[in-house]
């Protein structure tokens, strides 16, 4: 990175930080040799430190499986890591919530005979407390939970699926007391008319309704996405099947409150591959309506969604890449973030437990936290509200030159224009393109203030997807952010 660009970036960071942000983002990345790693839940603490729950499975020699709990400080430095397990059994961990003292509650299961479902808490210093009282909740049906949450009366509900000889049978609903007593159970098998009965049914996500009932997203017929409204005992009150072919390919059917504060947003992959795309539906007053689709060239298989005011955050994968996208409630794309990894540990490679629907969180300043895994690497990302790490977005300072770029986000190419104040002489005839690390990717000559970038670097090699910065060669050296989606 050249000196002038460093200085310019530094000035921009200071200017934006003093006006809008009191913190910066980070990407925490830690390498573990001979491991398979996946994240399951992420929680933001009161001081903006984060706690991530997941699996850390060692593959050297006999497979040794651990449940991993990691805590980072507000700057993204490792504070501590606690491991549970260390056996060859299939272990699962499902986050519930975080309290005012930054203690995280979670559920563990072991998918083997004569094992138990246990309810735990881990405090801000990494100390475990077993909340389940004797006798433990026996796991006769070999439950694997995908999502859990706290409901009124300090109770906990969780959904997932059951196993016999590690073959899926039914989607399931459990309700526990705060100390782990089982208050209600319900099981939802595949419809008798469903093909591929051997695959079994599964529940992915859940949301608490205003009337005290619970929405559950699930698959009760292979190829069909289903939404159940159940009462606190798990009895089905209403069932709605989502139109279109639901293609469950290591992805989920996620649910969240609609950002317009009415109803619930349902997000999943629909359409026969390769014509599959993520679609969002609004469920309101038992009526389901189509909202928007996500460009399949950006992200294809959804894992988690998070809604906030007029934002819909969706994280998932596009083949071997992990993608986070930020849309408006009506589907307008705000920004994207790309990194590597499939977030798969041994337990998920074996098909035990679907992808997590609890991988995203937000803090009080609108920063986005994303937990992920990439075979041998644990990834925890904190993005500022503008989708940047650190703040290098365009700055609203009256420039002598204005850079515009269309279409943005770009796919194959982007047209770049520079306009200047008529009262000033034209300054500079080139544009420079930098990646998010500040490395120069491409220099382009302008013709009558215009040029086209074909997405390649100066050596003619296609540049990867991600965020790039345009910088004009005029005296103001204005920056413009663009997003490359493929």
Protein backbone atom coordinates (compact mmCIF):
# COMPACT_ATOMS: atom_id res chain seq x y z
CA UNK A 1 0.00 0.00 0.00
CA UNK A 2 1.58 3.34 -1.00
CA UNK A 3 2.10 6.10 1.56
CA UNK A 4 -0.41 8.57 0.15
CA UNK A 5 -3.13 5.93 0.12
CA UNK A 6 -2.32 5.01 3.75
CA UNK A 7 -2.61 8.64 4.78
CA UNK A 8 -5.88 9.06 2.90
CA UNK A 9 -7.40 5.93 4.45
CA UNK A 10 -6.23 7.05 7.90
CA UNK A 11 -7.90 10.44 7.51
CA UNK A 12 -11.11 8.81 6.35
CA UNK A 13 -11.13 6.38 9.27
CA UNK A 14 -10.62 9.18 11.79
CA UNK A 15 -13.26 11.37 10.17
CA UNK A 16 -15.93 8.68 10.04
CA UNK A 17 -15.10 7.32 13.48
CA UNK A 18 -15.45 10.73 15.09
CA UNK A 19 -18.81 11.30 13.40
CA UNK A 20 -20.54 7.92 13.30
CA UNK A 21 -18.62 5.04 14.86
CA UNK A 22 -16.85 4.56 18.17
CA UNK A 23 -15.36 1.22 17.12
CA UNK A 24 -13.95 -0.64 14.16
CA UNK A 25 -14.61 -4.04 12.69
CA UNK A 26 -12.40 -7.12 12.54
CA UNK A 27 -12.01 -10.57 11.05
CA UNK A 28 -10.81 -13.10 13.65
CA UNK A 29 -9.23 -16.13 11.98
CA UNK A 30 -7.54 -18.99 13.82
CA UNK A 31 -6.03 -22.08 12.20
CA UNK A 32 -6.38 -25.56 13.70
CA UNK A 33 -4.39 -28.36 12.09
CA UNK A 34 -6.28 -31.55 11.13
CA UNK A 35 -9.65 -30.17 12.25
CA UNK A 36 -13.16 -29.73 10.94
CA UNK A 37 -14.83 -26.63 12.38
CA UNK A 38 -18.36 -25.25 12.39
CA UNK A 39 -20.08 -22.44 14.27
CA UNK A 40 -23.57 -22.91 15.67
CA UNK A 41 -24.49 -19.72 17.57
CA UNK A 42 -23.10 -16.26 18.28
CA UNK A 43 -23.98 -13.86 21.12
CA UNK A 44 -22.92 -10.23 21.73
CA UNK A 45 -22.05 -9.34 25.35
CA UNK A 46 -22.82 -6.05 27.10
CA UNK A 47 -19.29 -4.73 26.43
CA UNK A 48 -19.43 -5.85 22.74
CA UNK A 49 -17.25 -8.89 23.30
CA UNK A 50 -18.69 -11.99 21.61
CA UNK A 51 -19.26 -15.64 22.50
CA UNK A 52 -19.39 -18.29 19.75
CA UNK A 53 -20.62 -21.87 20.19
CA UNK A 54 -19.63 -24.61 17.76
CA UNK A 55 -17.96 -27.92 16.96
CA UNK A 56 -14.21 -28.53 16.79
CA UNK A 57 -13.47 -32.07 15.59
CA UNK A 58 -9.93 -33.45 15.37
CA UNK A 59 -9.43 -35.85 12.48
CA UNK A 60 -5.88 -37.01 13.18
CA UNK A 61 -6.06 -40.72 14.05
CA UNK A 62 -9.36 -41.59 15.80
CA UNK A 63 -11.94 -38.85 15.36
CA UNK A 64 -12.19 -36.82 18.55
CA UNK A 65 -15.16 -34.50 18.81
CA UNK A 66 -15.38 -31.40 20.98
CA UNK A 67 -17.97 -28.75 21.61
CA UNK A 68 -16.12 -25.44 21.40
CA UNK A 69 -17.03 -22.17 23.13
CA UNK A 70 -14.90 -19.15 22.16
CA UNK A 71 -14.91 -15.62 23.54
CA UNK A 72 -13.33 -12.57 21.88
CA UNK A 73 -12.83 -9.15 23.45
CA UNK A 74 -14.40 -6.03 21.85
CA UNK A 75 -11.36 -5.66 19.56
CA UNK A 76 -11.54 -9.23 18.29
CA UNK A 77 -8.74 -10.74 20.42
CA UNK A 78 -9.14 -14.20 21.94
CA UNK A 79 -10.06 -14.07 25.64
CA UNK A 80 -10.63 -17.78 26.22
CA UNK A 81 -11.77 -21.03 24.64
CA UNK A 82 -13.48 -23.86 26.51
CA UNK A 83 -13.93 -27.37 25.13
CA UNK A 84 -16.45 -30.05 26.12
CA UNK A 85 -16.45 -33.68 25.01
CA UNK A 86 -13.28 -35.19 23.64
CA UNK A 87 -14.98 -38.45 22.66
CA UNK A 88 -15.84 -40.26 19.46
CA UNK A 89 -19.56 -39.69 20.03
CA UNK A 90 -21.71 -37.36 17.95
CA UNK A 91 -22.06 -34.20 20.04
CA UNK A 92 -24.36 -31.24 19.37
CA UNK A 93 -24.57 -27.76 20.90
CA UNK A 94 -27.44 -25.29 20.53
CA UNK A 95 -27.40 -21.75 21.93
CA UNK A 96 -30.44 -20.41 23.82
CA UNK A 97 -29.67 -16.83 24.91
CA UNK A 98 -27.33 -14.47 26.81
CA UNK A 99 -28.41 -12.73 30.04
CA UNK A 100 -27.65 -9.32 31.58
CA UNK A 101 -24.52 -10.75 33.24
CA UNK A 102 -23.19 -12.07 29.91
CA UNK A 103 -23.83 -15.71 30.85
CA UNK A 104 -24.80 -17.84 27.84
CA UNK A 105 -27.32 -20.69 28.16
CA UNK A 106 -27.04 -23.64 25.78
CA UNK A 107 -28.24 -27.21 25.22
CA UNK A 108 -26.03 -30.23 24.52
CA UNK A 109 -27.00 -33.66 23.22
CA UNK A 110 -25.13 -36.89 22.56
CA UNK A 111 -26.44 -39.08 19.76
CA UNK A 112 -25.76 -42.46 21.33
CA UNK A 113 -27.72 -44.88 23.47
CA UNK A 114 -28.35 -44.08 27.15
CA UNK A 115 -27.22 -40.48 26.78
CA UNK A 116 -28.86 -37.26 27.90
CA UNK A 117 -30.02 -33.81 26.88
CA UNK A 118 -28.35 -31.29 29.19
CA UNK A 119 -28.94 -27.61 29.83
CA UNK A 120 -25.84 -25.54 30.63
CA UNK A 121 -24.69 -22.01 31.35
CA UNK A 122 -21.22 -20.53 30.84
CA UNK A 123 -20.35 -17.23 32.53
CA UNK A 124 -18.27 -14.32 31.25
CA UNK A 125 -15.06 -15.92 32.59
CA UNK A 126 -15.66 -19.30 30.95
CA UNK A 127 -16.97 -21.24 33.96
CA UNK A 128 -19.61 -23.93 33.30
CA UNK A 129 -22.76 -24.51 35.36
CA UNK A 130 -25.00 -27.53 34.74
CA UNK A 131 -28.58 -26.23 34.97
CA UNK A 132 -30.33 -29.56 34.44
CA UNK A 133 -31.30 -31.19 37.71
CA UNK A 134 -31.09 -34.95 38.36
CA UNK A 135 -32.18 -37.08 36.68
CA UNK A 136 -30.91 -35.77 33.36
CA UNK A 137 -33.26 -35.58 30.39
CA UNK A 138 -32.82 -38.95 28.70
CA UNK A 139 -32.37 -38.76 24.94
CA UNK A 140 -34.14 -41.98 23.92
CA UNK A 141 -35.11 -40.60 20.53
CA UNK A 142 -31.59 -39.24 19.87
CA UNK A 143 -32.60 -35.62 19.42
CA UNK A 144 -30.50 -33.11 17.52
CA UNK A 145 -31.64 -29.50 18.01
CA UNK A 146 -31.19 -26.88 15.29
CA UNK A 147 -32.56 -23.83 17.14
CA UNK A 148 -33.59 -22.89 20.68
CA UNK A 149 -34.86 -19.74 22.38
CA UNK A 150 -36.20 -18.40 25.66
CA UNK A 151 -39.92 -17.68 25.93
CA UNK A 152 -42.00 -15.99 28.71
CA UNK A 153 -42.06 -17.68 32.16
CA UNK A 154 -38.30 -18.26 31.68
CA UNK A 155 -39.00 -21.42 29.69
CA UNK A 156 -37.00 -22.70 26.72
CA UNK A 157 -38.26 -24.17 23.45
CA UNK A 158 -36.11 -26.04 20.94
CA UNK A 159 -36.73 -27.67 17.56
CA UNK A 160 -34.79 -30.16 15.46
CA UNK A 161 -35.11 -33.79 14.49
CA UNK A 162 -34.93 -37.32 15.88
CA UNK A 163 -32.78 -40.29 14.91
CA UNK A 164 -32.90 -44.06 15.04
CA UNK A 165 -29.60 -45.69 14.06
CA UNK A 166 -28.64 -42.17 12.95
CA UNK A 167 -31.44 -42.11 10.35
CA UNK A 168 -33.78 -39.13 10.54
CA UNK A 169 -37.39 -39.86 11.47
CA UNK A 170 -39.36 -36.88 12.75
CA UNK A 171 -39.16 -33.16 13.23
CA UNK A 172 -39.46 -32.41 16.93
CA UNK A 173 -40.50 -29.73 19.43
CA UNK A 174 -39.35 -29.64 23.08
CA UNK A 175 -40.24 -27.20 25.86
CA UNK A 176 -38.11 -27.08 29.02
CA UNK A 177 -38.21 -25.25 32.33
CA UNK A 178 -35.29 -22.98 33.28
CA UNK A 179 -33.70 -25.94 35.09
CA UNK A 180 -34.23 -28.42 32.28
CA UNK A 181 -37.45 -30.17 33.27
CA UNK A 182 -39.27 -31.41 30.17
CA UNK A 183 -42.64 -29.64 30.01
CA UNK A 184 -43.79 -30.69 26.54
CA UNK A 185 -42.66 -32.77 23.56
CA UNK A 186 -44.14 -33.16 20.09
CA UNK A 187 -43.00 -35.05 17.00
CA UNK A 188 -43.93 -34.36 13.39
CA UNK A 189 -43.14 -37.19 10.92
CA UNK A 190 -43.06 -36.94 7.15
CA UNK A 191 -46.40 -36.92 5.41
CA UNK A 192 -47.45 -40.41 4.35
CA UNK A 193 -47.53 -39.17 0.74
CA UNK A 194 -43.97 -37.81 0.82
CA UNK A 195 -41.27 -39.43 -1.32
CA UNK A 196 -37.95 -40.47 0.24
CA UNK A 197 -39.38 -41.56 3.57
CA UNK A 198 -35.90 -42.66 4.61
CA UNK A 199 -34.78 -39.01 4.84
CA UNK A 200 -37.26 -38.16 7.58
CA UNK A 201 -38.66 -34.78 8.58
CA UNK A 202 -36.77 -31.88 10.18
CA UNK A 203 -37.51 -28.58 11.93
CA UNK A 204 -35.07 -25.74 11.21
CA UNK A 205 -36.03 -22.50 12.93
CA UNK A 206 -38.63 -20.96 15.23
CA UNK A 207 -40.10 -17.63 16.30
CA UNK A 208 -42.36 -16.54 19.16
CA UNK A 209 -45.72 -15.12 18.08
CA UNK A 210 -47.63 -12.30 19.78
CA UNK A 211 -50.36 -14.72 20.87
CA UNK A 212 -47.85 -16.93 22.72
CA UNK A 213 -47.82 -19.63 20.07
CA UNK A 214 -44.65 -20.60 18.21
CA UNK A 215 -43.85 -20.62 14.50
CA UNK A 216 -41.72 -23.54 13.34
CA UNK A 217 -40.17 -23.83 9.86
CA UNK A 218 -39.72 -27.40 8.73
CA UNK A 219 -39.82 -29.99 5.97
CA UNK A 220 -42.67 -32.48 6.37
CA UNK A 221 -42.79 -33.50 2.72
CA UNK A 222 -39.59 -33.82 0.71
CA UNK A 223 -39.48 -30.89 -1.71
CA UNK A 224 -41.94 -28.78 0.30
CA UNK A 225 -41.23 -26.04 2.85
CA UNK A 226 -43.74 -25.93 5.67
CA UNK A 227 -44.59 -23.42 8.39
CA UNK A 228 -46.31 -24.70 11.52
CA UNK A 229 -48.03 -22.64 14.19
CA UNK A 230 -48.05 -24.68 17.41
CA UNK A 231 -49.26 -24.00 20.93
CA UNK A 232 -46.91 -24.25 23.97
CA UNK A 233 -47.62 -27.99 24.15
CA UNK A 234 -46.53 -28.46 20.54
CA UNK A 235 -50.03 -29.10 19.18
CA UNK A 236 -50.42 -27.92 15.57
CA UNK A 237 -52.82 -24.96 15.28
CA UNK A 238 -52.15 -24.11 11.65
CA UNK A 239 -50.02 -25.39 8.76
CA UNK A 240 -48.98 -23.49 5.64
CA UNK A 241 -46.98 -25.04 2.80
CA UNK A 242 -44.79 -22.54 0.94
CA UNK A 243 -45.30 -22.58 -2.86
CA UNK A 244 -42.49 -23.78 -5.08
CA UNK A 245 -40.00 -26.62 -4.83
CA UNK A 246 -37.97 -26.40 -1.62
CA UNK A 247 -34.44 -27.67 -2.26
CA UNK A 248 -32.78 -28.61 1.01
CA UNK A 249 -29.10 -28.77 0.10
CA UNK A 250 -27.24 -28.16 3.38
CA UNK A 251 -29.28 -25.00 3.88
CA UNK A 252 -32.25 -23.98 6.00
CA UNK A 253 -35.70 -22.46 6.03
CA UNK A 254 -35.20 -19.47 8.31
CA UNK A 255 -37.75 -17.22 10.02
CA UNK A 256 -37.48 -13.77 11.63
CA UNK A 257 -39.69 -10.82 12.45
CA UNK A 258 -40.46 -8.75 9.37
CA UNK A 259 -38.36 -5.54 9.37
CA UNK A 260 -41.52 -3.53 8.70
CA UNK A 261 -42.83 -4.75 12.10
CA UNK A 262 -45.75 -6.76 10.74
CA UNK A 263 -45.67 -10.52 10.36
CA UNK A 264 -42.70 -12.81 9.83
CA UNK A 265 -40.13 -13.15 7.06
CA UNK A 266 -39.57 -16.70 5.75
CA UNK A 267 -36.38 -17.29 3.72
CA UNK A 268 -35.30 -20.47 1.93
CA UNK A 269 -33.95 -21.91 -1.36
CA UNK A 270 -36.63 -22.66 -3.95
CA UNK A 271 -36.58 -24.08 -7.48
CA UNK A 272 -35.11 -27.18 -9.09
CA UNK A 273 -31.33 -26.92 -9.34
CA UNK A 274 -29.66 -25.22 -11.22
CA UNK A 275 -32.60 -22.80 -11.33
CA UNK A 276 -32.58 -22.37 -7.56
CA UNK A 277 -32.74 -19.00 -5.80
CA UNK A 278 -33.28 -17.71 -2.29
CA UNK A 279 -36.80 -16.36 -1.94
CA UNK A 280 -38.31 -14.33 0.90
CA UNK A 281 -41.98 -14.57 1.84
CA UNK A 282 -44.05 -12.56 4.30
CA UNK A 283 -46.37 -14.43 6.66
CA UNK A 284 -49.01 -12.08 8.05
CA UNK A 285 -52.42 -13.01 9.50
CA UNK A 286 -51.97 -16.57 8.20
CA UNK A 287 -51.51 -15.27 4.65
CA UNK A 288 -48.27 -15.92 2.78
CA UNK A 289 -47.08 -13.41 0.15
CA UNK A 290 -43.93 -13.26 -1.96
CA UNK A 291 -41.51 -10.44 -1.03
CA UNK A 292 -38.28 -10.69 -3.05
CA UNK A 293 -35.59 -12.99 -4.43
CA UNK A 294 -31.82 -12.86 -3.93
CA UNK A 295 -29.58 -12.91 -6.99
CA UNK A 296 -28.36 -16.55 -7.23
CA UNK A 297 -25.03 -15.28 -8.52
CA UNK A 298 -24.47 -13.66 -5.10
CA UNK A 299 -25.65 -16.30 -2.62
CA UNK A 300 -27.58 -19.53 -3.21
CA UNK A 301 -27.96 -21.57 -0.01
CA UNK A 302 -29.21 -19.63 3.06
CA UNK A 303 -28.22 -20.49 6.62
CA UNK A 304 -29.20 -17.66 8.99
CA UNK A 305 -31.22 -14.45 8.68
CA UNK A 306 -31.37 -11.41 10.94
CA UNK A 307 -33.79 -8.51 10.55
CA UNK A 308 -33.48 -5.01 11.96
CA UNK A 309 -35.60 -1.96 11.06
CA UNK A 310 -35.34 -1.93 7.25
CA UNK A 311 -32.53 -4.48 6.95
CA UNK A 312 -32.58 -8.18 6.11
CA UNK A 313 -29.22 -9.88 6.64
CA UNK A 314 -28.81 -13.32 5.06
CA UNK A 315 -25.69 -15.45 5.45
CA UNK A 316 -25.12 -18.61 3.46
CA UNK A 317 -22.99 -20.10 0.73
CA UNK A 318 -22.40 -19.88 -2.99
CA UNK A 319 -20.76 -23.24 -3.68
CA UNK A 320 -17.38 -23.02 -1.86
CA UNK A 321 -17.73 -19.39 -0.73
CA UNK A 322 -19.47 -18.00 2.34
CA UNK A 323 -21.57 -14.91 1.65
CA UNK A 324 -23.30 -12.31 3.81
CA UNK A 325 -25.75 -9.96 2.11
CA UNK A 326 -27.65 -6.97 3.46
CA UNK A 327 -30.97 -6.14 1.78
CA UNK A 328 -33.74 -3.71 2.46
CA UNK A 329 -37.08 -5.13 3.53
CA UNK A 330 -38.22 -4.88 -0.08
CA UNK A 331 -35.14 -6.63 -1.50
CA UNK A 332 -32.81 -3.76 -2.51
CA UNK A 333 -29.19 -4.87 -2.12
CA UNK A 334 -27.19 -2.66 0.26
CA UNK A 335 -23.87 -4.52 0.49
CA UNK A 336 -22.25 -7.96 0.46
CA UNK A 337 -19.34 -9.59 2.28
CA UNK A 338 -17.53 -12.71 1.05
CA UNK A 339 -15.15 -15.16 2.70
CA UNK A 340 -14.21 -18.81 2.34
CA UNK A 341 -15.62 -21.88 4.05
CA UNK A 342 -18.63 -24.14 4.30
CA UNK A 343 -19.07 -24.14 8.12
CA UNK A 344 -19.06 -27.95 8.25
CA UNK A 345 -17.74 -30.14 11.06
CA UNK A 346 -17.79 -33.93 11.10
CA UNK A 347 -21.26 -34.04 12.57
CA UNK A 348 -22.70 -32.00 9.70
CA UNK A 349 -20.72 -33.84 7.02
CA UNK A 350 -22.37 -37.00 8.36
CA UNK A 351 -25.76 -35.32 7.90
CA UNK A 352 -26.51 -35.08 11.62
CA UNK A 353 -27.99 -31.68 12.28
CA UNK A 354 -28.71 -29.08 9.64
CA UNK A 355 -26.83 -25.82 9.11
CA UNK A 356 -27.27 -23.34 11.93
CA UNK A 357 -29.88 -20.59 11.86
CA UNK A 358 -28.19 -18.62 14.68
CA UNK A 359 -24.95 -17.38 13.08
CA UNK A 360 -25.71 -13.63 13.05
CA UNK A 361 -25.98 -10.96 15.75
CA UNK A 362 -26.08 -7.16 16.01
CA UNK A 363 -24.99 -4.73 18.70
CA UNK A 364 -26.56 -1.46 19.83
CA UNK A 365 -24.54 0.54 17.28
CA UNK A 366 -25.73 -1.56 14.33
CA UNK A 367 -22.51 -3.54 13.85
CA UNK A 368 -22.99 -7.05 12.44
CA UNK A 369 -21.32 -10.16 13.91
CA UNK A 370 -20.99 -13.36 11.89
CA UNK A 371 -19.67 -16.73 13.13
CA UNK A 372 -18.39 -19.26 10.59
CA UNK A 373 -15.95 -22.12 10.04
CA UNK A 374 -13.72 -23.24 7.16
CA UNK A 375 -12.40 -26.82 7.56
CA UNK A 376 -9.30 -25.90 9.62
CA UNK A 377 -10.11 -22.26 10.39
CA UNK A 378 -12.47 -20.62 12.84
CA UNK A 379 -13.83 -17.33 11.51
CA UNK A 380 -15.59 -14.59 13.49
CA UNK A 381 -16.31 -11.36 11.64
CA UNK A 382 -17.48 -7.98 12.89
CA UNK A 383 -18.69 -5.57 10.22
CA UNK A 384 -19.61 -1.93 10.69
CA UNK A 385 -23.15 -0.91 9.67
CA UNK A 386 -21.90 0.00 6.19
CA UNK A 387 -20.47 -3.50 5.62
CA UNK A 388 -16.84 -2.46 6.00
CA UNK A 389 -13.80 -3.64 7.98
CA UNK A 390 -12.35 -1.17 8.82
CA UNK A 391 -14.16 2.03 7.82
CA UNK A 392 -13.03 2.72 4.27
CA UNK A 393 -16.37 3.58 2.72
CA UNK A 394 -16.87 6.68 0.64
CA UNK A 395 -16.86 9.89 2.69
CA UNK A 396 -19.35 12.69 2.30
CA UNK A 397 -16.88 15.54 1.77
CA UNK A 398 -17.71 17.99 -1.04
CA UNK A 399 -15.36 16.81 -3.82
CA UNK A 400 -14.09 18.59 -6.85
CA UNK A 401 -14.63 15.32 -8.71
CA UNK A 402 -17.50 12.84 -8.40
CA UNK A 403 -16.99 9.17 -9.23
CA UNK A 404 -20.00 7.12 -10.31
CA UNK A 405 -20.09 3.41 -11.15
CA UNK A 406 -22.86 1.28 -12.65
CA UNK A 407 -24.07 -1.38 -12.11
CA UNK A 408 -23.00 -1.57 -8.46
CA UNK A 409 -22.88 -4.36 -7.31
CA UNK A 410 -21.22 -5.56 -10.52
CA UNK A 411 -21.07 -9.03 -12.03
CA UNK A 412 -18.86 -9.11 -15.16
CA UNK A 413 -18.02 -5.44 -15.69
CA UNK A 414 -18.73 -1.97 -14.37
CA UNK A 415 -18.83 1.41 -16.14
CA UNK A 416 -16.98 4.16 -14.31
CA UNK A 417 -17.48 7.88 -14.87
CA UNK A 418 -15.79 10.94 -13.39
CA UNK A 419 -17.50 14.34 -13.37
CA UNK A 420 -15.79 17.55 -12.35
CA UNK A 421 -16.96 21.00 -11.29
CA UNK A 422 -17.07 23.17 -14.42
CA UNK A 423 -15.32 25.92 -12.55
CA UNK A 424 -12.21 23.79 -12.16
CA UNK A 425 -9.80 22.45 -14.76
CA UNK A 426 -9.97 18.72 -15.39
CA UNK A 427 -7.46 16.99 -13.11
CA UNK A 428 -6.16 13.51 -13.83
CA UNK A 429 -7.05 10.99 -16.51
CA UNK A 430 -6.89 7.65 -14.72
CA UNK A 431 -8.68 5.58 -12.10
CA UNK A 432 -7.11 3.15 -9.64
CA UNK A 433 -8.85 0.11 -8.13
CA UNK A 434 -7.82 -1.24 -4.71
CA UNK A 435 -8.99 -4.29 -2.77
CA UNK A 436 -10.18 -4.02 0.83
CA UNK A 437 -6.59 -4.53 2.06
CA UNK A 438 -5.47 -1.41 0.20
CA UNK A 439 -3.56 -3.35 -2.48
CA UNK A 440 -3.59 -1.84 -5.98
CA UNK A 441 -5.49 -4.21 -8.30
CA UNK A 442 -5.88 -2.28 -11.54
CA UNK A 443 -5.08 1.09 -13.14
CA UNK A 444 -7.31 2.27 -15.98
CA UNK A 445 -6.99 5.20 -18.35
CA UNK A 446 -10.05 7.43 -18.79
CA UNK A 447 -11.46 8.50 -22.15
CA UNK A 448 -13.60 11.63 -21.83
CA UNK A 449 -13.92 10.87 -18.13
CA UNK A 450 -15.14 7.29 -18.64
CA UNK A 451 -13.78 3.74 -18.55
CA UNK A 452 -14.94 0.14 -18.01
CA UNK A 453 -13.46 -2.36 -15.56
CA UNK A 454 -13.80 -5.97 -16.66
CA UNK A 455 -13.17 -7.33 -13.14
CA UNK A 456 -9.57 -8.33 -13.88
CA UNK A 457 -6.31 -7.22 -12.26
CA UNK A 458 -3.36 -5.63 -14.03
CA UNK A 459 -2.09 -9.10 -14.95
CA UNK A 460 -5.34 -10.07 -16.65
CA UNK A 461 -6.41 -12.46 -13.89
CA UNK A 462 -10.06 -12.30 -12.72
CA UNK A 463 -10.31 -10.64 -9.32
CA UNK A 464 -12.27 -12.47 -6.60
CA UNK A 465 -15.68 -11.41 -5.37
CA UNK A 466 -15.68 -8.78 -2.66
CA UNK A 467 -15.47 -5.07 -1.93
CA UNK A 468 -13.20 -2.77 -3.96
CA UNK A 469 -12.34 0.92 -3.85
CA UNK A 470 -12.10 3.27 -6.81
CA UNK A 471 -9.73 6.23 -6.50
CA UNK A 472 -9.46 9.05 -8.99
CA UNK A 473 -6.14 10.71 -9.79
CA UNK A 474 -7.39 14.23 -9.15
CA UNK A 475 -6.19 16.32 -6.26
CA UNK A 476 -9.07 15.30 -4.00
CA UNK A 477 -8.32 11.58 -4.43
CA UNK A 478 -11.95 10.67 -3.69
CA UNK A 479 -12.79 7.02 -2.92
CA UNK A 480 -15.83 5.12 -4.21
CA UNK A 481 -16.84 1.68 -2.93
CA UNK A 482 -18.01 -0.99 -5.37
CA UNK A 483 -19.02 -4.63 -4.83
CA UNK A 484 -18.01 -7.45 -7.20
CA UNK A 485 -20.40 -10.41 -6.93
CA UNK A 486 -18.65 -12.96 -9.14
